[in-house]
Each structure stands twice: as structure tokens, then as C-alpha cells.
């Protein structure tokens, strides 16, 4: 299974990558610094799950992503205020949200469930 983390924080990527690899030994993780880089990766690889930091998105980006990418799409939300905004305005094109303000153990369990479900 191949996963992309389009994320700004290296520690977040390392932590989530570690959890993903613990869940499945066949996990290959790609890091993207922006959406263009993520697109380049998923066009050349068979990506199962794409995790995108909400701070990388601009208006209309989710619809463009969903048009280009057909796998599972999750948003990484560093602050609850982003989630409130996006819950109101985001089209229903995502599979879920990982809120980094949640308890670490809860996020680990949620991420494990996502990966185990693929």
C-alpha cells in the first residue's frame, strides 16, 4: 500500500508514517511539500490514501484533487478552527478528517483504522 502525506510539519509526517508502517508492513510512504508535488506522485504511483494538510489548500483545490485522484482522501487539520470552517464549506469529497488537536492516542487509533480498512 502506498500513502502520500502532503504536510508542512516534518514531525507530523514522521509520526504518521511510523503508525502507518506499524499497521501494515507493505506500507510505502511518500512526502509531498505541496499539492503540485502530491499530484506528481499520485500520477506516477498507485496511491491508496492521500493525507493533505488543510493549510495547503486554496479554494477549489479539493474538487480538483477529487477529479484527479480517486483513492481515499483525508484532511489533516492542525487547529479546530480550520475544521469548523471546512465542515461548513467543503464539498463532501473527503473520506475523513484527522484533527491534530485530538488526543495522540485517539489519532493513532483513527489512523490505524483508516490503514487497516484499505
Foldseek 3Di string as FASTA:
>chain_A
DEEEEQDQDPVVVVVLVVLLCVLPVPYDYHYHPAVVRVLVVVVVDVHAEYEHEPVRDDPPPLVVCVVSDPHAYEYEYADVVSVVVCVVPPDPRHPYYQYNVDDPVVSSVVSSVVSVVD
